């Protein structure tokens, strides 16, 4: 009967360990377990690259690399940037989710990169597929959550909104302005920054930094005044309920060490 006593002791010990775990810590563990890595820290499995002027899948001048567990977008092989914007797409679309991206800007901007692209990158959500982009199309039709770093002196809000080929409803009105500032603080230097994006199909998109909502809006939709958006409207609805996720390569080196998703199934 010793095995019964041992089993009872193990069960009781496990229960006691569970009782000793503070509820807040237990909830935090459960919340962390709900995140699913889209970037595996080893390679670009599950991701597709699209650079201006290149066929889908070409890694222009070895711009995107995975080194030491980090996805790096670097420009050491470029003599000049020459408008070669790129996007790294995850392979499948999503609709209702929370996305967590941990990133930092590093080094110097590529020669010839536009001034506005200094310490500038972005996360595209509800994006068109990479396969549907024109070969020379610089940006996918999408909702962009801008990742922006300061210059060490001036104020520059982070997690702003830009709308290539799209519009949103902001503060109850159709919003056609291309870029809109958030209420975030400025993030100077090469520090790691975590941005979260809550996407509830077309009902709500929320930008979050340090647990604080810095911008939110509703009804992401195609812009009928944009040629690429009009092309998409021939085969899909005006309102965007889902789409692809993409990371930008806009001429300033950047590293991503986490890209995680948390499906939201309470719809």
C-alpha atoms as a PDB file:
ATOM      1  CA  UNK A   1       0.000   0.000   0.000  1.00  0.00           C
ATOM      2  CA  UNK A   2       3.046   2.215  -0.006  1.00  0.00           C
ATOM      3  CA  UNK A   3       2.285   3.402  -3.539  1.00  0.00           C
ATOM      4  CA  UNK A   4      -1.115   4.721  -2.394  1.00  0.00           C
ATOM      5  CA  UNK A   5       0.525   6.671   0.398  1.00  0.00           C
ATOM      6  CA  UNK A   6       3.120   8.061  -2.012  1.00  0.00           C
ATOM      7  CA  UNK A   7       0.424   9.050  -4.521  1.00  0.00           C
ATOM      8  CA  UNK A   8      -1.649  10.730  -1.841  1.00  0.00           C
ATOM      9  CA  UNK A   9       1.422  12.599  -0.640  1.00  0.00           C
ATOM     10  CA  UNK A  10       2.259  13.773  -4.166  1.00  0.00           C
ATOM     11  CA  UNK A  11      -1.304  14.975  -4.777  1.00  0.00           C
ATOM     12  CA  UNK A  12      -1.441  16.751  -1.433  1.00  0.00           C
ATOM     13  CA  UNK A  13       1.975  18.311  -2.063  1.00  0.00           C
ATOM     14  CA  UNK A  14       0.849  19.537  -5.478  1.00  0.00           C
ATOM     15  CA  UNK A  15      -2.287  21.022  -3.983  1.00  0.00           C
ATOM     16  CA  UNK A  16      -0.273  22.787  -1.314  1.00  0.00           C
ATOM     17  CA  UNK A  17       2.079  24.215  -3.931  1.00  0.00           C
ATOM     18  CA  UNK A  18      -0.967  25.444  -5.831  1.00  0.00           C
ATOM     19  CA  UNK A  19      -2.372  27.000  -2.648  1.00  0.00           C
ATOM     20  CA  UNK A  20       0.947  28.747  -1.993  1.00  0.00           C
ATOM     21  CA  UNK A  21       0.941  30.391  -5.458  1.00  0.00           C
ATOM     22  CA  UNK A  22      -0.480  33.912  -5.039  1.00  0.00           C
ATOM     23  CA  UNK A  23      -3.627  34.439  -7.149  1.00  0.00           C
ATOM     24  CA  UNK A  24      -2.119  37.442  -8.937  1.00  0.00           C
ATOM     25  CA  UNK A  25       0.971  35.440  -9.901  1.00  0.00           C
ATOM     26  CA  UNK A  26      -1.182  32.539 -11.088  1.00  0.00           C
ATOM     27  CA  UNK A  27      -3.262  34.886 -13.269  1.00  0.00           C
ATOM     28  CA  UNK A  28      -0.096  36.463 -14.672  1.00  0.00           C
ATOM     29  CA  UNK A  29       1.224  33.023 -15.642  1.00  0.00           C
ATOM     30  CA  UNK A  30      -2.051  32.144 -17.324  1.00  0.00           C
ATOM     31  CA  UNK A  31      -2.045  35.447 -19.221  1.00  0.00           C
ATOM     32  CA  UNK A  32       1.534  34.883 -20.370  1.00  0.00           C
ATOM     33  CA  UNK A  33       0.711  31.350 -21.503  1.00  0.00           C
ATOM     34  CA  UNK A  34      -2.019  32.789 -23.750  1.00  0.00           C
ATOM     35  CA  UNK A  35       0.586  34.491 -25.961  1.00  0.00           C
ATOM     36  CA  UNK A  36       1.685  32.584 -29.069  1.00  0.00           C
ATOM     37  CA  UNK A  37       5.045  33.491 -30.675  1.00  0.00           C
ATOM     38  CA  UNK A  38       4.833  34.381 -34.364  1.00  0.00           C
ATOM     39  CA  UNK A  39       8.617  34.866 -34.486  1.00  0.00           C
ATOM     40  CA  UNK A  40      10.429  31.744 -33.252  1.00  0.00           C
ATOM     41  CA  UNK A  41      13.782  33.403 -32.530  1.00  0.00           C
ATOM     42  CA  UNK A  42      15.598  31.000 -34.875  1.00  0.00           C
ATOM     43  CA  UNK A  43      14.648  31.819 -38.460  1.00  0.00           C
ATOM     44  CA  UNK A  44      11.991  33.445 -40.630  1.00  0.00           C
ATOM     45  CA  UNK A  45       9.726  30.412 -40.830  1.00  0.00           C
ATOM     46  CA  UNK A  46       6.156  31.621 -41.268  1.00  0.00           C
ATOM     47  CA  UNK A  47       7.170  35.014 -42.688  1.00  0.00           C
ATOM     48  CA  UNK A  48       7.241  36.367 -46.254  1.00  0.00           C
ATOM     49  CA  UNK A  49       9.413  39.246 -47.466  1.00  0.00           C
ATOM     50  CA  UNK A  50       8.340  41.871 -50.005  1.00  0.00           C
ATOM     51  CA  UNK A  51      10.671  44.704 -51.072  1.00  0.00           C
ATOM     52  CA  UNK A  52       9.907  47.433 -53.587  1.00  0.00           C
ATOM     53  CA  UNK A  53      10.883  46.340 -57.090  1.00  0.00           C
ATOM     54  CA  UNK A  54      11.549  42.746 -56.029  1.00  0.00           C
ATOM     55  CA  UNK A  55       9.691  39.509 -56.426  1.00  0.00           C
ATOM     56  CA  UNK A  56       7.921  38.183 -53.344  1.00  0.00           C
ATOM     57  CA  UNK A  57      10.357  36.298 -51.121  1.00  0.00           C
ATOM     58  CA  UNK A  58      13.576  38.061 -52.157  1.00  0.00           C
ATOM     59  CA  UNK A  59      15.598  39.306 -49.182  1.00  0.00           C
ATOM     60  CA  UNK A  60      17.008  42.452 -50.799  1.00  0.00           C
ATOM     61  CA  UNK A  61      20.721  42.803 -49.944  1.00  0.00           C
ATOM     62  CA  UNK A  62      20.295  40.463 -46.974  1.00  0.00           C
ATOM     63  CA  UNK A  63      18.368  43.184 -45.151  1.00  0.00           C
ATOM     64  CA  UNK A  64      16.437  40.883 -42.800  1.00  0.00           C
ATOM     65  CA  UNK A  65      18.451  38.492 -40.628  1.00  0.00           C
ATOM     66  CA  UNK A  66      17.922  36.372 -37.537  1.00  0.00           C
ATOM     67  CA  UNK A  67      20.921  36.535 -35.219  1.00  0.00           C
ATOM     68  CA  UNK A  68      21.221  35.716 -31.509  1.00  0.00           C
ATOM     69  CA  UNK A  69      17.481  35.150 -31.199  1.00  0.00           C
ATOM     70  CA  UNK A  70      16.603  38.543 -32.699  1.00  0.00           C
ATOM     71  CA  UNK A  71      15.071  39.549 -36.042  1.00  0.00           C
ATOM     72  CA  UNK A  72      17.353  42.291 -37.356  1.00  0.00           C
ATOM     73  CA  UNK A  73      16.600  44.729 -40.194  1.00  0.00           C
ATOM     74  CA  UNK A  74      19.936  46.247 -41.185  1.00  0.00           C
ATOM     75  CA  UNK A  75      21.454  48.170 -44.093  1.00  0.00           C
ATOM     76  CA  UNK A  76      25.184  47.462 -43.979  1.00  0.00           C
ATOM     77  CA  UNK A  77      25.088  46.166 -47.593  1.00  0.00           C
ATOM     78  CA  UNK A  78      23.465  49.348 -48.968  1.00  0.00           C
ATOM     79  CA  UNK A  79      25.448  52.126 -50.604  1.00  0.00           C
ATOM     80  CA  UNK A  80      22.229  54.147 -50.700  1.00  0.00           C
ATOM     81  CA  UNK A  81      18.677  53.287 -49.660  1.00  0.00           C
ATOM     82  CA  UNK A  82      17.062  54.347 -52.966  1.00  0.00           C
ATOM     83  CA  UNK A  83      13.490  53.902 -51.788  1.00  0.00           C
ATOM     84  CA  UNK A  84      13.757  50.146 -51.269  1.00  0.00           C
ATOM     85  CA  UNK A  85      11.061  49.913 -48.617  1.00  0.00           C
ATOM     86  CA  UNK A  86      10.313  46.427 -47.373  1.00  0.00           C
ATOM     87  CA  UNK A  87       7.726  44.542 -45.347  1.00  0.00           C
ATOM     88  CA  UNK A  88       7.928  41.215 -43.542  1.00  0.00           C
ATOM     89  CA  UNK A  89       4.491  39.565 -43.589  1.00  0.00           C
ATOM     90  CA  UNK A  90       3.251  36.782 -41.366  1.00  0.00           C
ATOM     91  CA  UNK A  91       1.887  34.009 -43.553  1.00  0.00           C
ATOM     92  CA  UNK A  92      -1.794  34.033 -42.477  1.00  0.00           C
ATOM     93  CA  UNK A  93      -4.422  36.727 -41.805  1.00  0.00           C
ATOM     94  CA  UNK A  94      -6.032  37.449 -38.436  1.00  0.00           C
ATOM     95  CA  UNK A  95      -9.202  39.190 -37.284  1.00  0.00           C
ATOM     96  CA  UNK A  96      -9.595  39.363 -33.469  1.00  0.00           C
ATOM     97  CA  UNK A  97      -6.378  39.403 -31.484  1.00  0.00           C
ATOM     98  CA  UNK A  98      -3.891  41.237 -29.340  1.00  0.00           C
ATOM     99  CA  UNK A  99      -0.397  41.651 -30.787  1.00  0.00           C
ATOM    100  CA  UNK A 100       2.732  42.285 -28.729  1.00  0.00           C
ATOM    101  CA  UNK A 101       5.924  43.568 -30.372  1.00  0.00           C
ATOM    102  CA  UNK A 102       9.184  44.204 -28.538  1.00  0.00           C
ATOM    103  CA  UNK A 103      11.691  46.226 -30.555  1.00  0.00           C
ATOM    104  CA  UNK A 104      14.532  48.721 -30.456  1.00  0.00           C
ATOM    105  CA  UNK A 105      16.197  51.042 -32.960  1.00  0.00           C
ATOM    106  CA  UNK A 106      19.940  50.669 -33.395  1.00  0.00           C
ATOM    107  CA  UNK A 107      22.770  52.364 -35.283  1.00  0.00           C
ATOM    108  CA  UNK A 108      22.549  54.916 -38.050  1.00  0.00           C
ATOM    109  CA  UNK A 109      19.969  55.337 -40.792  1.00  0.00           C
ATOM    110  CA  UNK A 110      20.897  54.032 -44.253  1.00  0.00           C
ATOM    111  CA  UNK A 111      22.392  56.708 -46.531  1.00  0.00           C
ATOM    112  CA  UNK A 112      19.679  58.239 -48.676  1.00  0.00           C
ATOM    113  CA  UNK A 113      16.847  57.247 -46.352  1.00  0.00           C
ATOM    114  CA  UNK A 114      14.116  59.905 -46.133  1.00  0.00           C
ATOM    115  CA  UNK A 115      14.279  62.298 -43.199  1.00  0.00           C
ATOM    116  CA  UNK A 116      10.878  61.223 -41.864  1.00  0.00           C
ATOM    117  CA  UNK A 117      12.126  57.606 -41.688  1.00  0.00           C
ATOM    118  CA  UNK A 118      14.746  58.363 -39.014  1.00  0.00           C
ATOM    119  CA  UNK A 119      14.048  55.910 -36.170  1.00  0.00           C
ATOM    120  CA  UNK A 120      10.816  55.044 -37.920  1.00  0.00           C
ATOM    121  CA  UNK A 121       9.300  51.625 -38.510  1.00  0.00           C
ATOM    122  CA  UNK A 122       5.848  50.185 -38.102  1.00  0.00           C
ATOM    123  CA  UNK A 123       3.506  47.271 -37.618  1.00  0.00           C
ATOM    124  CA  UNK A 124       0.878  46.887 -40.307  1.00  0.00           C
ATOM    125  CA  UNK A 125      -2.442  45.275 -39.325  1.00  0.00           C
ATOM    126  CA  UNK A 126      -5.481  44.428 -41.451  1.00  0.00           C
ATOM    127  CA  UNK A 127      -3.049  44.557 -44.378  1.00  0.00           C
ATOM    128  CA  UNK A 128      -3.586  43.293 -47.883  1.00  0.00           C
ATOM    129  CA  UNK A 129      -1.692  40.086 -48.652  1.00  0.00           C
ATOM    130  CA  UNK A 130       1.879  40.362 -49.966  1.00  0.00           C
ATOM    131  CA  UNK A 131       0.794  38.418 -53.050  1.00  0.00           C
ATOM    132  CA  UNK A 132      -1.722  41.134 -53.941  1.00  0.00           C
ATOM    133  CA  UNK A 133       0.839  43.976 -53.910  1.00  0.00           C
ATOM    134  CA  UNK A 134       2.183  45.500 -57.082  1.00  0.00           C
ATOM    135  CA  UNK A 135       5.895  44.802 -57.659  1.00  0.00           C
ATOM    136  CA  UNK A 136       6.759  48.494 -57.283  1.00  0.00           C
ATOM    137  CA  UNK A 137       4.230  49.252 -54.522  1.00  0.00           C
ATOM    138  CA  UNK A 138       6.079  50.882 -51.584  1.00  0.00           C
ATOM    139  CA  UNK A 139       3.516  50.214 -48.820  1.00  0.00           C
ATOM    140  CA  UNK A 140       0.706  47.682 -48.485  1.00  0.00           C
ATOM    141  CA  UNK A 141      -2.844  48.956 -48.111  1.00  0.00           C
ATOM    142  CA  UNK A 142      -3.183  48.583 -44.352  1.00  0.00           C
ATOM    143  CA  UNK A 143      -3.478  50.193 -40.947  1.00  0.00           C
ATOM    144  CA  UNK A 144      -0.020  51.149 -39.674  1.00  0.00           C
ATOM    145  CA  UNK A 145       0.921  51.412 -36.019  1.00  0.00           C
ATOM    146  CA  UNK A 146       4.041  53.566 -36.259  1.00  0.00           C
ATOM    147  CA  UNK A 147       7.094  52.676 -34.181  1.00  0.00           C
ATOM    148  CA  UNK A 148       8.978  55.928 -33.588  1.00  0.00           C
ATOM    149  CA  UNK A 149      12.102  56.806 -31.644  1.00  0.00           C
ATOM    150  CA  UNK A 150      13.223  60.216 -30.431  1.00  0.00           C
ATOM    151  CA  UNK A 151      16.385  62.055 -31.473  1.00  0.00           C
ATOM    152  CA  UNK A 152      17.530  62.587 -27.886  1.00  0.00           C
ATOM    153  CA  UNK A 153      16.139  66.113 -27.681  1.00  0.00           C
ATOM    154  CA  UNK A 154      12.768  66.680 -29.268  1.00  0.00           C
ATOM    155  CA  UNK A 155       9.360  65.261 -28.382  1.00  0.00           C
ATOM    156  CA  UNK A 156       8.067  62.559 -30.694  1.00  0.00           C
ATOM    157  CA  UNK A 157       5.027  60.498 -29.853  1.00  0.00           C
ATOM    158  CA  UNK A 158       5.148  56.732 -30.384  1.00  0.00           C
ATOM    159  CA  UNK A 159       2.552  54.223 -31.640  1.00  0.00           C
ATOM    160  CA  UNK A 160       0.993  56.809 -33.935  1.00  0.00           C
ATOM    161  CA  UNK A 161      -1.453  55.907 -36.691  1.00  0.00           C
ATOM    162  CA  UNK A 162      -0.754  56.051 -40.440  1.00  0.00           C
ATOM    163  CA  UNK A 163      -3.208  54.915 -43.093  1.00  0.00           C
ATOM    164  CA  UNK A 164      -1.694  53.832 -46.441  1.00  0.00           C
ATOM    165  CA  UNK A 165      -4.726  53.339 -48.686  1.00  0.00           C
ATOM    166  CA  UNK A 166      -7.145  53.353 -45.756  1.00  0.00           C
ATOM    167  CA  UNK A 167      -9.323  55.536 -43.524  1.00  0.00           C
ATOM    168  CA  UNK A 168     -10.726  55.035 -40.016  1.00  0.00           C
ATOM    169  CA  UNK A 169     -13.444  56.469 -37.820  1.00  0.00           C
ATOM    170  CA  UNK A 170     -11.782  58.535 -35.088  1.00  0.00           C
ATOM    171  CA  UNK A 171     -13.660  60.373 -32.348  1.00  0.00           C
ATOM    172  CA  UNK A 172     -16.920  59.491 -34.056  1.00  0.00           C
ATOM    173  CA  UNK A 173     -16.066  60.898 -37.496  1.00  0.00           C
ATOM    174  CA  UNK A 174     -14.566  59.563 -40.714  1.00  0.00           C
ATOM    175  CA  UNK A 175     -10.860  60.359 -40.437  1.00  0.00           C
ATOM    176  CA  UNK A 176      -8.937  60.783 -43.690  1.00  0.00           C
ATOM    177  CA  UNK A 177      -5.759  62.366 -42.285  1.00  0.00           C
ATOM    178  CA  UNK A 178      -2.806  60.162 -43.238  1.00  0.00           C
ATOM    179  CA  UNK A 179      -0.937  60.250 -39.900  1.00  0.00           C
ATOM    180  CA  UNK A 180      -2.326  60.910 -36.428  1.00  0.00           C
ATOM    181  CA  UNK A 181      -0.346  61.381 -33.217  1.00  0.00           C
ATOM    182  CA  UNK A 182      -0.916  59.267 -30.140  1.00  0.00           C
ATOM    183  CA  UNK A 183      -0.669  60.569 -26.581  1.00  0.00           C
ATOM    184  CA  UNK A 184       2.458  58.562 -25.718  1.00  0.00           C
ATOM    185  CA  UNK A 185       5.686  59.870 -24.250  1.00  0.00           C
ATOM    186  CA  UNK A 186       8.902  60.017 -26.314  1.00  0.00           C
ATOM    187  CA  UNK A 187      11.223  57.000 -26.337  1.00  0.00           C
ATOM    188  CA  UNK A 188      14.825  58.126 -26.880  1.00  0.00           C
ATOM    189  CA  UNK A 189      17.888  55.940 -27.353  1.00  0.00           C
ATOM    190  CA  UNK A 190      18.318  52.243 -28.090  1.00  0.00           C
ATOM    191  CA  UNK A 191      16.047  50.975 -25.314  1.00  0.00           C
ATOM    192  CA  UNK A 192      13.735  48.022 -25.854  1.00  0.00           C
ATOM    193  CA  UNK A 193      10.109  49.133 -26.166  1.00  0.00           C
ATOM    194  CA  UNK A 194       6.979  46.981 -26.012  1.00  0.00           C
ATOM    195  CA  UNK A 195       3.932  48.008 -28.031  1.00  0.00           C
ATOM    196  CA  UNK A 196       0.653  46.113 -27.930  1.00  0.00           C
ATOM    197  CA  UNK A 197      -2.142  46.386 -30.475  1.00  0.00           C
ATOM    198  CA  UNK A 198      -5.666  45.214 -29.726  1.00  0.00           C
ATOM    199  CA  UNK A 199      -7.631  44.422 -32.880  1.00  0.00           C
ATOM    200  CA  UNK A 200     -11.353  43.633 -32.703  1.00  0.00           C
ATOM    201  CA  UNK A 201     -12.090  43.042 -36.409  1.00  0.00           C
ATOM    202  CA  UNK A 202     -13.658  46.341 -37.571  1.00  0.00           C
ATOM    203  CA  UNK A 203     -15.112  47.306 -34.203  1.00  0.00           C
ATOM    204  CA  UNK A 204     -11.989  48.634 -32.491  1.00  0.00           C
ATOM    205  CA  UNK A 205      -8.231  49.021 -32.862  1.00  0.00           C
ATOM    206  CA  UNK A 206      -6.307  50.174 -29.799  1.00  0.00           C
ATOM    207  CA  UNK A 207      -2.610  51.155 -29.455  1.00  0.00           C
ATOM    208  CA  UNK A 208      -1.088  50.389 -26.037  1.00  0.00           C
ATOM    209  CA  UNK A 209       2.335  51.218 -24.517  1.00  0.00           C
ATOM    210  CA  UNK A 210       3.358  50.423 -20.940  1.00  0.00           C
ATOM    211  CA  UNK A 211      -0.193  49.250 -20.273  1.00  0.00           C
ATOM    212  CA  UNK A 212      -1.677  52.597 -21.286  1.00  0.00           C
ATOM    213  CA  UNK A 213      -3.959  53.141 -24.273  1.00  0.00           C
ATOM    214  CA  UNK A 214      -2.458  55.971 -26.337  1.00  0.00           C
ATOM    215  CA  UNK A 215      -4.783  55.874 -29.377  1.00  0.00           C
ATOM    216  CA  UNK A 216      -7.951  54.085 -30.465  1.00  0.00           C
ATOM    217  CA  UNK A 217     -10.372  54.174 -33.388  1.00  0.00           C
ATOM    218  CA  UNK A 218     -12.958  52.092 -35.201  1.00  0.00           C
ATOM    219  CA  UNK A 219     -14.157  50.984 -38.649  1.00  0.00           C
ATOM    220  CA  UNK A 220     -10.862  50.602 -40.567  1.00  0.00           C
ATOM    221  CA  UNK A 221     -11.740  50.769 -44.247  1.00  0.00           C
ATOM    222  CA  UNK A 222     -10.372  51.065 -47.752  1.00  0.00           C
ATOM    223  CA  UNK A 223      -9.893  54.583 -49.128  1.00  0.00           C
ATOM    224  CA  UNK A 224     -11.778  54.973 -52.445  1.00  0.00           C
ATOM    225  CA  UNK A 225      -9.402  57.794 -53.396  1.00  0.00           C
ATOM    226  CA  UNK A 226      -6.382  55.469 -53.360  1.00  0.00           C
ATOM    227  CA  UNK A 227      -5.622  53.520 -56.553  1.00  0.00           C
ATOM    228  CA  UNK A 228      -4.372  50.379 -54.796  1.00  0.00           C
ATOM    229  CA  UNK A 229      -7.361  50.388 -52.450  1.00  0.00           C
ATOM    230  CA  UNK A 230      -9.747  50.746 -55.406  1.00  0.00           C
ATOM    231  CA  UNK A 231      -8.156  47.698 -56.972  1.00  0.00           C
ATOM    232  CA  UNK A 232      -8.798  45.705 -53.796  1.00  0.00           C
ATOM    233  CA  UNK A 233     -12.389  46.947 -53.632  1.00  0.00           C
ATOM    234  CA  UNK A 234     -13.150  44.949 -56.767  1.00  0.00           C
ATOM    235  CA  UNK A 235     -12.889  41.731 -54.755  1.00  0.00           C
ATOM    236  CA  UNK A 236     -13.533  42.647 -51.095  1.00  0.00           C
ATOM    237  CA  UNK A 237     -15.706  44.782 -48.864  1.00  0.00           C
ATOM    238  CA  UNK A 238     -14.949  48.404 -48.018  1.00  0.00           C
ATOM    239  CA  UNK A 239     -14.772  47.703 -44.268  1.00  0.00           C
ATOM    240  CA  UNK A 240     -11.713  45.742 -43.114  1.00  0.00           C
ATOM    241  CA  UNK A 241     -12.609  42.844 -40.801  1.00  0.00           C
ATOM    242  CA  UNK A 242      -9.296  41.032 -41.060  1.00  0.00           C
ATOM    243  CA  UNK A 243      -5.912  41.123 -42.729  1.00  0.00           C
ATOM    244  CA  UNK A 244      -2.241  40.323 -42.556  1.00  0.00           C
ATOM    245  CA  UNK A 245       0.351  41.489 -40.034  1.00  0.00           C
ATOM    246  CA  UNK A 246       3.613  42.954 -41.337  1.00  0.00           C
ATOM    247  CA  UNK A 247       6.750  44.585 -39.934  1.00  0.00           C
ATOM    248  CA  UNK A 248       8.374  47.470 -41.802  1.00  0.00           C
ATOM    249  CA  UNK A 249      11.853  48.045 -43.188  1.00  0.00           C
ATOM    250  CA  UNK A 250      12.019  51.802 -43.795  1.00  0.00           C
ATOM    251  CA  UNK A 251      15.788  52.588 -43.806  1.00  0.00           C
ATOM    252  CA  UNK A 252      16.617  52.786 -40.083  1.00  0.00           C
ATOM    253  CA  UNK A 253      18.063  49.617 -38.505  1.00  0.00           C
ATOM    254  CA  UNK A 254      15.730  47.976 -36.019  1.00  0.00           C
ATOM    255  CA  UNK A 255      15.621  44.742 -34.030  1.00  0.00           C
ATOM    256  CA  UNK A 256      12.590  42.707 -32.985  1.00  0.00           C
ATOM    257  CA  UNK A 257      13.034  40.168 -30.203  1.00  0.00           C
ATOM    258  CA  UNK A 258       9.384  39.319 -29.668  1.00  0.00           C
ATOM    259  CA  UNK A 259       6.363  39.200 -31.947  1.00  0.00           C
ATOM    260  CA  UNK A 260       3.538  37.436 -30.084  1.00  0.00           C
ATOM    261  CA  UNK A 261      -0.166  37.097 -30.677  1.00  0.00           C
ATOM    262  CA  UNK A 262      -3.027  36.426 -28.277  1.00  0.00           C
ATOM    263  CA  UNK A 263      -6.238  35.314 -30.004  1.00  0.00           C
ATOM    264  CA  UNK A 264      -9.388  36.980 -28.686  1.00  0.00           C
ATOM    265  CA  UNK A 265     -12.275  34.536 -28.883  1.00  0.00           C
ATOM    266  CA  UNK A 266     -14.868  36.359 -26.825  1.00  0.00           C
ATOM    267  CA  UNK A 267     -16.795  37.518 -29.912  1.00  0.00           C
END
